[in-house]
Amino acid sequence: MPIKLSTNCLRSLNERHSLAMAVPSPRASVLVAALVAAVWSHASHAAEENPVVVAPAAAAAATGEVGWTDFWLVRLSLNILGYGSVCLPAWLFIRYVKRSGYLEQGGENGHNCMFRSIRLCVAGNEEKTSLEEGGVKATAPEPPKFNKGVVLFFCVLGLQGSYLTWGVLQERIMKHEYGKDENNPGEKFTNSQFLVFMNRILAFSAAGVIILVTRQPRHTAPLYRYSYCSLSNIMSSWCQYEALKFVSFPTQVLAKASKIIPVMLMGKVVSGKTYEYYEYLTAAMISMGVAMFLLTQGKEATGPTTVTTFSGVLILIGYMMFDSFTSNWQAELYKQYNMSSMQMMFGVNLFSCIFTSWSLIGQGGFAVGLGFMLKHSTFMFHVLLLSLCSATGQLFIFYTISQFGAVVFIIIMTTRSGLAIFLSCLIYGHPLTVIGVFGVFIVFAALFLRVYAQQRKKAQKAREARQSELSNGNKV
């Protein structure tokens, strides 16, 4: 079945993820202060209750096996240097092309292969094509009503299966000691960037195949515009994997839910937009729920669990910042160039593969990652399954939005987040208290309330618009 995405649907999704933007500073400051206080209280209490638990780098240092690259700040710096070695020359080249008038001169002297490639990267295809001239509208046909329920069940099953499996594997890969038995202590895989590359290369291949076999709208965006959200996307994914070395998966999921608050703060500075009262209420509920969950984790944690540390807090903040930028930049690209979802998926993953592969080559990460895969066949299976779940999950996202809209998709994924927390606690033994469970319930109740209130407001505006049209028609 061809997978195409309505641009309006995906734009609606991005707007919901962006959550408008702007919170008066006093209220937002109180929410953020409460959230940070909860995290720090949890970190300090957990450290007191479990003094033997240390971060991975510190544990390696205790055995004398630690190196510079075992510290996450060093790994992050090396990654940034690798990305910069690609971005800086590319920026200088694009600047030269624009200032030298190369494209204008090439337009007069003929369209050779080099000229067309440079124009595609720097300026895109500026000519707009209408539907009558061969353009294709990026929408998917609505399924017949008699089988719409079957299609919805298929989408729910695909999304839940892909991302629940992905979440379990993500935690398994980052915390499992591969090769451990009675005689061997085992070893953990620490190269998060290699996992990001494996996910992106499969998603890139899937998007390319779908573009080849399905009709797509004319692509007009300069390719380099994808590099911005691609870079922020791989940084957010790196933070996501790296954070699991310091925090539990349930804590990470709740941190994702609470990214509403920094996004709202960022909106005040960037866009100056305003929020409704229900948005303040739901943000406060999310802060309270996250605080309740975090404050009860330290009291019950026993054994060799990984505590929330200052490093984990910083990495999660970095994840939320990069992820917020990605969704906003993609929304702007959809607005300007009206591309399809598969074109977006292809462009973003193309640059993600370029950035991560170049950085991995410079650091010798490919040799380490492939060597670990050959040494531990279980790890190879986990990585391949993780990448497959990531790619199929993206395809289910686009198809679900195109068929049922952003609201249905958000409800499915919010439910998935709750299930992921309890599944992680069940499989990996993360402690859950009654107060912690109640805190999780408050978080997801707030998310559902937010979706419901947004739909009520949208329906009210639609009714007011129809009434206005009717009254104007009567006057005429």
Protein backbone atom coordinates (compact mmCIF):
# COMPACT_ATOMS: atom_id res chain seq x y z
CA MET A 1 0.00 0.00 0.00
CA PRO A 2 1.57 3.34 -0.98
CA ILE A 3 2.58 5.40 2.04
CA LYS A 4 2.09 9.11 1.50
CA LEU A 5 1.55 11.82 4.03
CA SER A 6 -0.74 14.78 3.94
CA THR A 7 1.44 17.81 4.47
CA ASN A 8 -1.34 19.47 6.42
CA CYS A 9 -1.62 16.46 8.71
CA LEU A 10 2.09 16.36 9.46
CA ARG A 11 2.18 20.11 9.88
CA SER A 12 -0.64 19.70 12.41
CA LEU A 13 1.41 17.07 14.22
CA ASN A 14 4.45 19.31 14.37
CA GLU A 15 2.34 22.14 15.68
CA ARG A 16 1.03 19.90 18.43
CA HIS A 17 4.52 18.72 19.32
CA SER A 18 5.72 22.31 19.27
CA LEU A 19 2.75 23.15 21.55
CA ALA A 20 2.34 26.70 20.36
CA MET A 21 5.05 28.64 22.20
CA ALA A 22 5.15 31.08 24.98
CA VAL A 23 4.67 31.15 28.67
CA PRO A 24 4.79 34.17 30.92
CA SER A 25 8.14 34.01 32.68
CA PRO A 26 6.95 33.79 36.34
CA ARG A 27 4.68 30.79 35.76
CA ALA A 28 7.17 29.00 33.55
CA SER A 29 9.99 29.62 36.00
CA VAL A 30 7.99 28.06 38.83
CA LEU A 31 7.28 24.94 36.74
CA VAL A 32 10.90 24.52 35.71
CA ALA A 33 12.16 25.17 39.22
CA ALA A 34 9.85 22.47 40.58
CA LEU A 35 11.00 19.98 37.98
CA VAL A 36 14.70 20.66 38.52
CA ALA A 37 14.27 20.50 42.30
CA ALA A 38 12.61 17.10 41.98
CA VAL A 39 15.41 15.75 39.83
CA TRP A 40 18.12 17.03 42.17
CA SER A 41 16.31 15.76 45.26
CA HIS A 42 15.99 12.37 43.62
CA ALA A 43 19.67 12.35 42.64
CA SER A 44 20.95 13.28 46.10
CA HIS A 45 18.62 10.90 47.93
CA ALA A 46 19.47 8.02 45.61
CA ALA A 47 23.16 8.66 46.13
CA GLU A 48 22.68 8.46 49.91
CA GLU A 49 20.63 5.27 49.70
CA ASN A 50 23.01 3.60 47.22
CA PRO A 51 26.55 4.84 47.90
CA VAL A 52 28.11 1.96 45.98
CA VAL A 53 26.37 2.91 42.74
CA VAL A 54 28.48 5.06 40.44
CA ALA A 55 28.30 6.24 36.87
CA PRO A 56 29.82 3.99 34.17
CA ALA A 57 32.93 6.14 33.73
CA ALA A 58 33.53 6.21 37.48
CA ALA A 59 33.09 2.46 37.71
CA ALA A 60 35.68 1.97 35.01
CA ALA A 61 38.01 4.36 36.79
CA ALA A 62 37.79 2.26 39.96
CA THR A 63 39.20 -0.72 38.08
CA GLY A 64 41.91 1.30 36.36
CA GLU A 65 40.41 0.73 32.89
CA VAL A 66 39.07 4.22 32.25
CA GLY A 67 40.26 6.31 29.29
CA TRP A 68 39.50 9.77 28.02
CA THR A 69 36.79 8.51 25.70
CA ASP A 70 34.94 6.89 28.61
CA PHE A 71 33.64 10.31 29.68
CA TRP A 72 30.50 11.44 27.91
CA LEU A 73 31.66 15.05 27.57
CA VAL A 74 34.75 13.86 25.68
CA ARG A 75 32.66 11.66 23.41
CA LEU A 76 30.28 14.55 22.78
CA SER A 77 33.17 16.87 21.94
CA LEU A 78 34.65 14.35 19.51
CA ASN A 79 31.27 13.93 17.82
CA ILE A 80 30.86 17.69 17.46
CA LEU A 81 34.36 17.98 15.98
CA GLY A 82 33.47 15.26 13.47
CA TYR A 83 30.25 17.01 12.47
CA GLY A 84 32.05 20.34 12.31
CA SER A 85 34.63 18.93 9.88
CA VAL A 86 31.71 18.37 7.49
CA CYS A 87 29.62 21.45 8.26
CA LEU A 88 32.35 24.09 8.06
CA PRO A 89 33.64 23.23 4.55
CA ALA A 90 30.04 22.80 3.34
CA TRP A 91 29.09 26.22 4.75
CA LEU A 92 32.09 27.88 3.10
CA PHE A 93 31.23 26.20 -0.23
CA ILE A 94 27.56 27.24 -0.10
CA ARG A 95 28.55 30.79 0.80
CA TYR A 96 30.99 30.94 -2.10
CA VAL A 97 28.41 29.61 -4.58
CA LYS A 98 25.83 32.17 -3.50
CA ARG A 99 28.23 35.12 -3.53
CA SER A 100 30.04 34.23 -6.75
CA GLY A 101 26.87 34.05 -8.84
CA TYR A 102 27.82 30.56 -10.05
CA LEU A 103 24.20 29.44 -10.38
CA GLU A 104 23.26 32.48 -12.47
CA GLN A 105 26.24 31.94 -14.76
CA GLY A 106 25.54 28.22 -15.05
CA GLY A 107 21.98 28.94 -16.08
CA GLU A 108 23.32 30.85 -19.07
CA ASN A 109 26.10 28.45 -20.08
CA GLY A 110 24.19 25.18 -19.93
CA HIS A 111 22.91 22.63 -17.43
CA ASN A 112 25.66 20.04 -17.00
CA CYS A 113 25.67 17.36 -14.33
CA MET A 114 27.85 19.31 -11.89
CA PHE A 115 25.74 22.42 -12.22
CA ARG A 116 22.49 20.52 -11.61
CA SER A 117 23.97 18.80 -8.54
CA ILE A 118 25.19 22.07 -7.04
CA ARG A 119 21.89 23.78 -7.74
CA LEU A 120 19.97 20.90 -6.12
CA CYS A 121 22.11 21.17 -2.97
CA VAL A 122 22.30 24.98 -2.71
CA ALA A 123 19.15 26.38 -4.33
CA GLY A 124 16.86 23.42 -4.98
CA ASN A 125 14.39 23.30 -7.86
CA GLU A 126 12.91 26.76 -7.70
CA GLU A 127 10.35 26.17 -10.44
CA LYS A 128 6.95 25.38 -8.94
CA THR A 129 4.89 22.71 -10.67
CA SER A 130 1.10 22.62 -10.53
CA LEU A 131 -0.95 19.45 -10.54
CA GLU A 132 -1.91 20.06 -14.15
CA GLU A 133 1.78 20.26 -15.10
CA GLY A 134 2.65 16.94 -13.56
CA GLY A 135 2.88 17.68 -9.86
CA VAL A 136 1.54 15.20 -7.34
CA LYS A 137 -0.35 16.17 -4.24
CA ALA A 138 1.12 14.48 -1.14
CA THR A 139 -2.05 12.96 0.23
CA ALA A 140 -3.14 9.39 0.78
CA PRO A 141 -6.56 8.08 -0.24
CA GLU A 142 -8.99 7.58 2.60
CA PRO A 143 -9.71 3.90 3.24
CA PRO A 144 -13.30 2.68 2.74
CA LYS A 145 -15.45 3.06 5.85
CA PHE A 146 -16.15 -0.65 6.18
CA ASN A 147 -12.48 -1.50 6.74
CA LYS A 148 -11.36 1.70 8.49
CA GLY A 149 -11.51 -0.04 11.86
CA VAL A 150 -9.28 -2.83 10.54
CA VAL A 151 -6.77 -0.26 9.23
CA LEU A 152 -6.78 1.58 12.57
CA PHE A 153 -6.16 -1.70 14.42
CA PHE A 154 -3.31 -2.42 12.01
CA CYS A 155 -1.79 1.02 12.70
CA VAL A 156 -2.12 0.66 16.48
CA LEU A 157 -0.59 -2.80 16.38
CA GLY A 158 2.28 -1.60 14.18
CA LEU A 159 3.07 1.48 16.26
CA GLN A 160 2.83 -0.28 19.59
CA GLY A 161 4.78 -3.31 18.43
CA SER A 162 7.53 -1.28 16.78
CA TYR A 163 8.13 1.24 19.53
CA LEU A 164 7.56 -0.99 22.54
CA THR A 165 10.12 -3.42 21.11
CA TRP A 166 12.40 -0.49 20.26
CA GLY A 167 12.24 0.84 23.83
CA VAL A 168 12.97 -2.55 25.41
CA LEU A 169 15.90 -3.14 23.04
CA GLN A 170 17.27 0.35 23.59
CA GLU A 171 17.59 -0.23 27.32
CA ARG A 172 18.83 -3.78 26.81
CA ILE A 173 21.66 -2.73 24.47
CA MET A 174 22.93 0.13 26.63
CA LYS A 175 22.87 -1.75 29.94
CA HIS A 176 23.44 -5.40 29.07
CA GLU A 177 26.84 -7.01 29.66
CA TYR A 178 27.42 -9.06 26.52
CA GLY A 179 29.43 -12.27 26.82
CA LYS A 180 29.00 -12.49 30.59
CA ASP A 181 29.19 -15.95 32.12
CA GLU A 182 30.81 -17.69 35.07
CA ASN A 183 34.31 -17.19 33.68
CA ASN A 184 33.96 -13.84 31.86
CA PRO A 185 32.81 -10.54 33.39
CA GLY A 186 31.18 -9.41 30.14
CA GLU A 187 31.36 -5.98 28.49
CA LYS A 188 28.94 -3.17 27.66
CA PHE A 189 28.63 -1.42 24.32
CA THR A 190 29.28 2.30 24.82
CA ASN A 191 29.31 3.83 21.32
CA SER A 192 25.91 5.52 21.09
CA GLN A 193 26.77 7.15 17.75
CA PHE A 194 27.17 3.75 16.06
CA LEU A 195 23.62 2.85 17.12
CA VAL A 196 22.34 6.16 15.71
CA PHE A 197 24.05 5.41 12.39
CA MET A 198 22.56 1.91 12.18
CA ASN A 199 19.07 3.31 12.78
CA ARG A 200 19.49 6.08 10.20
CA ILE A 201 20.98 3.97 7.40
CA LEU A 202 18.04 1.57 7.44
CA ALA A 203 15.48 4.41 7.61
CA PHE A 204 17.29 6.15 4.72
CA SER A 205 17.15 2.97 2.63
CA ALA A 206 13.45 2.41 3.37
CA ALA A 207 12.54 5.99 2.44
CA GLY A 208 14.56 5.73 -0.79
CA VAL A 209 12.79 2.55 -1.87
CA ILE A 210 9.35 4.04 -1.17
CA ILE A 211 10.18 7.20 -3.14
CA LEU A 212 11.23 5.05 -6.11
CA VAL A 213 8.04 2.95 -6.16
CA THR A 214 5.46 5.65 -5.33
CA ARG A 215 4.52 8.97 -6.90
CA GLN A 216 5.85 11.99 -5.04
CA PRO A 217 5.38 15.76 -5.36
CA ARG A 218 8.04 17.77 -7.15
CA HIS A 219 10.92 18.39 -4.74
CA THR A 220 11.88 22.07 -4.53
CA ALA A 221 13.81 22.44 -1.25
CA PRO A 222 17.59 22.98 -1.23
CA LEU A 223 19.13 19.81 0.14
CA TYR A 224 21.33 21.64 2.63
CA ARG A 225 18.23 22.84 4.49
CA TYR A 226 17.73 19.27 5.76
CA SER A 227 21.14 19.35 7.44
CA TYR A 228 19.96 21.59 10.30
CA CYS A 229 17.22 19.30 11.59
CA SER A 230 19.33 16.27 10.70
CA LEU A 231 22.13 17.46 12.98
CA SER A 232 19.74 18.23 15.83
CA ASN A 233 18.02 14.88 15.25
CA ILE A 234 21.19 12.81 15.57
CA MET A 235 22.23 14.86 18.61
CA SER A 236 18.88 14.21 20.30
CA SER A 237 19.16 10.49 19.46
CA TRP A 238 22.72 10.40 20.83
CA CYS A 239 21.52 12.04 24.04
CA GLN A 240 18.70 9.51 24.22
CA TYR A 241 21.07 6.54 24.11
CA GLU A 242 23.73 8.18 26.27
CA ALA A 243 21.23 9.12 29.00
CA LEU A 244 20.43 5.45 29.58
CA LYS A 245 23.92 5.06 31.05
CA PHE A 246 22.89 7.38 33.88
CA VAL A 247 19.09 7.16 34.24
CA SER A 248 16.48 4.46 33.98
CA PHE A 249 14.26 4.11 30.93
CA PRO A 250 11.07 5.12 32.81
CA THR A 251 12.80 8.32 33.96
CA GLN A 252 13.80 9.04 30.36
CA VAL A 253 10.25 8.51 29.08
CA LEU A 254 8.83 10.90 31.67
CA ALA A 255 11.51 13.45 30.80
CA LYS A 256 10.30 13.30 27.20
CA ALA A 257 6.75 13.97 28.38
CA SER A 258 7.94 16.95 30.42
CA LYS A 259 9.70 18.55 27.43
CA ILE A 260 6.49 20.58 27.09
CA ILE A 261 7.91 22.94 29.72
CA PRO A 262 11.25 23.85 28.09
CA VAL A 263 9.49 24.08 24.71
CA MET A 264 7.07 26.59 26.20
CA LEU A 265 9.94 28.53 27.72
CA MET A 266 11.78 28.55 24.39
CA GLY A 267 8.64 29.76 22.67
CA LYS A 268 8.48 32.86 24.83
CA VAL A 269 11.94 33.87 23.69
CA VAL A 270 11.76 32.72 20.06
CA SER A 271 8.19 33.37 18.91
CA GLY A 272 6.48 35.40 21.60
CA LYS A 273 3.27 33.34 21.29
CA THR A 274 0.73 32.92 24.05
CA TYR A 275 -0.90 29.90 25.68
CA GLU A 276 -4.37 29.05 26.94
CA TYR A 277 -5.09 28.43 30.61
CA TYR A 278 -5.47 24.67 30.06
CA GLU A 279 -1.90 24.58 28.78
CA TYR A 280 -0.63 26.10 32.03
CA LEU A 281 -2.72 23.55 33.96
CA THR A 282 -1.44 20.54 32.01
CA ALA A 283 2.18 21.74 32.25
CA ALA A 284 1.78 22.04 36.04
CA MET A 285 0.23 18.55 36.20
CA ILE A 286 3.13 17.09 34.22
CA SER A 287 5.66 18.76 36.52
CA MET A 288 3.89 17.39 39.59
CA GLY A 289 3.61 13.88 38.11
CA VAL A 290 7.28 13.74 37.12
CA ALA A 291 8.30 15.04 40.55
CA MET A 292 6.21 12.36 42.31
CA PHE A 293 7.76 9.62 40.17
CA LEU A 294 11.35 10.78 40.64
CA LEU A 295 11.10 11.44 44.38
CA THR A 296 9.85 7.90 45.06
CA GLN A 297 12.48 6.12 42.95
CA GLY A 298 15.43 6.79 45.24
CA LYS A 299 13.66 5.46 48.33
CA GLU A 300 12.99 2.05 46.84
CA ALA A 301 16.04 1.57 44.63
CA THR A 302 18.26 -1.26 45.81
CA GLY A 303 21.05 -3.21 44.24
CA PRO A 304 23.19 -2.19 41.26
CA THR A 305 20.77 0.27 39.67
CA THR A 306 21.89 3.39 37.85
CA VAL A 307 21.02 6.56 39.74
CA THR A 308 20.04 9.86 38.20
CA THR A 309 23.19 11.95 38.22
CA PHE A 310 24.08 15.47 37.21
CA SER A 311 25.35 14.07 33.91
CA GLY A 312 22.03 12.34 33.28
CA VAL A 313 20.12 15.57 33.95
CA LEU A 314 22.34 17.54 31.55
CA ILE A 315 22.01 14.92 28.81
CA LEU A 316 18.21 14.82 29.15
CA ILE A 317 18.07 18.63 28.95
CA GLY A 318 20.19 18.43 25.80
CA TYR A 319 17.80 15.83 24.36
CA MET A 320 14.78 18.04 24.95
CA MET A 321 16.44 21.10 23.40
CA PHE A 322 17.61 19.28 20.27
CA ASP A 323 14.30 17.45 19.85
CA SER A 324 12.31 20.68 20.16
CA PHE A 325 14.45 22.34 17.50
CA THR A 326 14.03 19.36 15.14
CA SER A 327 10.23 19.44 15.16
CA ASN A 328 10.09 23.22 14.74
CA TRP A 329 12.58 23.24 11.84
CA GLN A 330 10.75 20.41 10.07
CA ALA A 331 7.47 22.27 10.45
CA GLU A 332 9.05 25.30 8.80
CA LEU A 333 10.34 23.16 5.89
CA TYR A 334 6.88 21.69 5.32
CA LYS A 335 5.41 25.18 5.35
CA GLN A 336 7.91 26.60 2.85
CA TYR A 337 8.38 23.72 0.40
CA ASN A 338 5.33 21.45 0.78
CA MET A 339 7.37 18.24 0.45
CA SER A 340 6.04 14.78 1.25
CA SER A 341 6.85 12.86 4.41
CA MET A 342 9.02 10.37 2.51
CA GLN A 343 11.06 13.21 1.01
CA MET A 344 11.55 14.62 4.50
CA MET A 345 12.49 11.21 5.87
CA PHE A 346 14.93 10.65 3.00
CA GLY A 347 16.57 14.09 3.26
CA VAL A 348 16.99 14.08 7.03
CA ASN A 349 18.37 10.54 7.15
CA LEU A 350 20.68 11.25 4.21
CA PHE A 351 22.51 13.95 6.16
CA SER A 352 22.32 11.89 9.35
CA CYS A 353 24.20 9.09 7.59
CA ILE A 354 26.79 11.56 6.25
CA PHE A 355 27.39 13.21 9.65
CA THR A 356 27.55 10.02 11.72
CA SER A 357 29.60 7.99 9.23
CA TRP A 358 32.23 10.72 8.86
CA SER A 359 32.48 11.14 12.64
CA LEU A 360 32.68 7.37 13.16
CA ILE A 361 35.44 7.06 10.56
CA GLY A 362 37.44 9.79 12.27
CA GLN A 363 37.09 8.16 15.70
CA GLY A 364 37.47 4.56 14.56
CA GLY A 365 33.90 3.88 15.66
CA PHE A 366 33.09 1.61 12.73
CA ALA A 367 35.89 -0.77 13.65
CA VAL A 368 34.76 -0.84 17.28
CA GLY A 369 31.07 -1.29 16.44
CA LEU A 370 31.54 -3.93 13.75
CA GLY A 371 34.11 -5.75 15.88
CA PHE A 372 31.65 -5.86 18.79
CA MET A 373 28.94 -7.18 16.46
CA LEU A 374 31.21 -9.95 15.18
CA LYS A 375 32.32 -10.82 18.70
CA HIS A 376 28.80 -10.95 20.14
CA SER A 377 26.16 -12.34 17.79
CA THR A 378 23.43 -11.45 20.28
CA PHE A 379 24.42 -7.80 20.06
CA MET A 380 24.28 -7.97 16.25
CA PHE A 381 20.74 -9.37 16.42
CA HIS A 382 19.68 -6.68 18.91
CA VAL A 383 21.08 -3.85 16.77
CA LEU A 384 19.50 -5.10 13.56
CA LEU A 385 16.14 -5.57 15.27
CA LEU A 386 16.44 -2.12 16.87
CA SER A 387 17.09 -0.50 13.47
CA LEU A 388 14.24 -2.43 11.88
CA CYS A 389 11.82 -1.30 14.60
CA SER A 390 12.97 2.31 14.21
CA ALA A 391 12.47 2.31 10.42
CA THR A 392 9.11 0.52 10.46
CA GLY A 393 7.97 2.76 13.31
CA GLN A 394 8.63 5.88 11.21
CA LEU A 395 6.63 4.40 8.32
CA PHE A 396 3.72 3.60 10.63
CA ILE A 397 3.86 7.16 11.98
CA PHE A 398 3.48 8.69 8.53
CA TYR A 399 0.77 6.28 7.42
CA THR A 400 -1.27 6.67 10.62
CA ILE A 401 -1.21 10.47 10.39
CA SER A 402 -2.17 10.43 6.71
CA GLN A 403 -5.16 8.15 7.35
CA PHE A 404 -6.47 9.22 10.76
CA GLY A 405 -4.86 12.57 11.59
CA ALA A 406 -2.48 13.83 14.24
CA VAL A 407 -4.88 13.50 17.20
CA VAL A 408 -5.34 9.74 16.83
CA PHE A 409 -1.59 9.35 16.41
CA ILE A 410 -0.81 11.36 19.58
CA ILE A 411 -3.29 9.28 21.60
CA ILE A 412 -1.69 6.05 20.35
CA MET A 413 1.83 7.22 21.12
CA THR A 414 0.90 8.62 24.54
CA THR A 415 -0.58 5.25 25.42
CA ARG A 416 2.60 3.63 24.11
CA SER A 417 4.74 5.74 26.45
CA GLY A 418 2.75 4.58 29.46
CA LEU A 419 2.96 0.95 28.39
CA ALA A 420 6.71 1.34 27.77
CA ILE A 421 7.27 2.49 31.35
CA PHE A 422 5.43 -0.46 32.91
CA LEU A 423 6.96 -2.93 30.44
CA SER A 424 10.45 -1.67 31.32
CA CYS A 425 9.72 -1.95 35.05
CA LEU A 426 8.37 -5.48 34.54
CA ILE A 427 11.30 -6.75 32.45
CA TYR A 428 14.22 -4.94 34.10
CA GLY A 429 12.90 -4.72 37.65
CA HIS A 430 12.73 -0.94 38.07
CA PRO A 431 11.00 -0.19 41.40
CA LEU A 432 7.53 1.34 41.32
CA THR A 433 5.71 2.66 44.39
CA VAL A 434 2.04 3.57 44.64
CA ILE A 435 2.96 7.26 44.63
CA GLY A 436 5.21 6.72 41.59
CA VAL A 437 2.41 4.97 39.69
CA PHE A 438 0.05 7.81 40.60
CA GLY A 439 2.62 10.31 39.31
CA VAL A 440 2.84 8.48 35.97
CA PHE A 441 -0.97 8.47 35.80
CA ILE A 442 -1.06 12.24 36.37
CA VAL A 443 1.46 12.83 33.56
CA PHE A 444 -0.50 10.88 30.97
CA ALA A 445 -3.84 12.21 32.18
CA ALA A 446 -2.44 15.69 31.55
CA LEU A 447 -1.36 14.71 28.03
CA PHE A 448 -4.81 13.34 27.20
CA LEU A 449 -6.44 16.41 28.71
CA ARG A 450 -4.26 18.59 26.52
CA VAL A 451 -5.31 16.75 23.35
CA TYR A 452 -8.99 16.90 24.36
CA ALA A 453 -8.87 20.63 25.13
CA GLN A 454 -7.11 21.38 21.84
CA GLN A 455 -9.79 19.53 19.90
CA ARG A 456 -12.58 21.30 21.76
CA LYS A 457 -11.02 24.64 20.94
CA LYS A 458 -10.52 23.70 17.30
CA ALA A 459 -14.15 22.54 16.97
CA GLN A 460 -15.38 25.76 18.60
CA LYS A 461 -13.40 27.87 16.14
CA ALA A 462 -14.83 25.86 13.24
CA ARG A 463 -18.40 26.42 14.49
CA GLU A 464 -17.77 30.15 14.91
CA ALA A 465 -16.36 30.32 11.38
CA ARG A 466 -19.43 28.58 9.92
CA GLN A 467 -21.78 30.85 11.85
CA SER A 468 -19.88 33.89 10.61
CA GLU A 469 -20.16 32.70 7.01
CA LEU A 470 -23.90 32.07 7.40
CA SER A 471 -24.50 35.49 8.92
CA ASN A 472 -22.52 37.18 6.14
CA GLY A 473 -24.49 35.22 3.55
CA ASN A 474 -27.79 36.32 5.06
CA LYS A 475 -26.70 39.96 4.99
CA VAL A 476 -25.89 39.70 1.29
